[in-house]
Amino acid sequence: MDNEQQLLTVAEAAGLLRLGRDSTYQLARSGAIPVVKFGRQ
C-alpha cells in the first residue's frame, strides 16, 4: 500500500469539502484540517 500523502491547494480542498475559500482558510487556521505552508509565508 502506498503511504504517499497528497497536497491540495486551498481551492482544491474547498472543492472537495464543498466549502467556500474563506471557510476553508478558517478551518486551516483553527487546526481542523492539517496545513503545510510553502514559500515566504
Protein backbone atom coordinates (compact mmCIF):
# COMPACT_ATOMS: atom_id res chain seq x y z
CA MET A 1 0.00 0.00 0.00
CA ASP A 2 1.27 3.47 -0.87
CA ASN A 3 1.71 5.87 2.08
CA GLU A 4 2.33 8.91 -0.11
CA GLN A 5 0.46 11.99 1.13
CA GLN A 6 -1.40 14.25 -1.26
CA LEU A 7 -1.16 18.03 -1.00
CA LEU A 8 -4.03 20.22 -2.14
CA THR A 9 -4.38 23.92 -2.75
CA VAL A 10 -6.98 25.81 -0.75
CA ALA A 11 -9.18 25.95 -3.85
CA GLU A 12 -8.90 22.18 -4.38
CA ALA A 13 -9.63 21.42 -0.71
CA ALA A 14 -12.60 23.80 -0.78
CA GLY A 15 -14.00 21.99 -3.80
CA LEU A 16 -13.64 18.58 -2.19
CA LEU A 17 -15.19 19.80 1.06
CA ARG A 18 -17.90 21.75 -0.80
CA LEU A 19 -17.00 24.88 1.13
CA GLY A 20 -16.01 28.39 0.19
CA ARG A 21 -12.41 29.50 0.12
CA ASP A 22 -12.81 31.65 3.26
CA SER A 23 -14.40 28.79 5.21
CA THR A 24 -11.54 26.51 4.17
CA TYR A 25 -8.98 29.07 5.37
CA GLN A 26 -10.83 29.30 8.70
CA LEU A 27 -10.67 25.52 9.12
CA ALA A 28 -6.95 25.59 8.34
CA ARG A 29 -6.30 28.40 10.84
CA SER A 30 -8.26 26.62 13.57
CA GLY A 31 -6.30 23.39 13.07
CA ALA A 32 -9.34 21.42 11.94
CA ILE A 33 -7.53 20.45 8.74
CA PRO A 34 -3.75 19.94 8.50
CA VAL A 35 -1.74 22.63 6.72
CA VAL A 36 1.68 22.74 5.08
CA LYS A 37 2.89 26.22 4.13
CA PHE A 38 5.21 26.78 1.19
CA GLY A 39 7.03 29.91 0.15
CA ARG A 40 7.61 33.13 2.03
CA GLN A 41 4.58 32.99 4.25
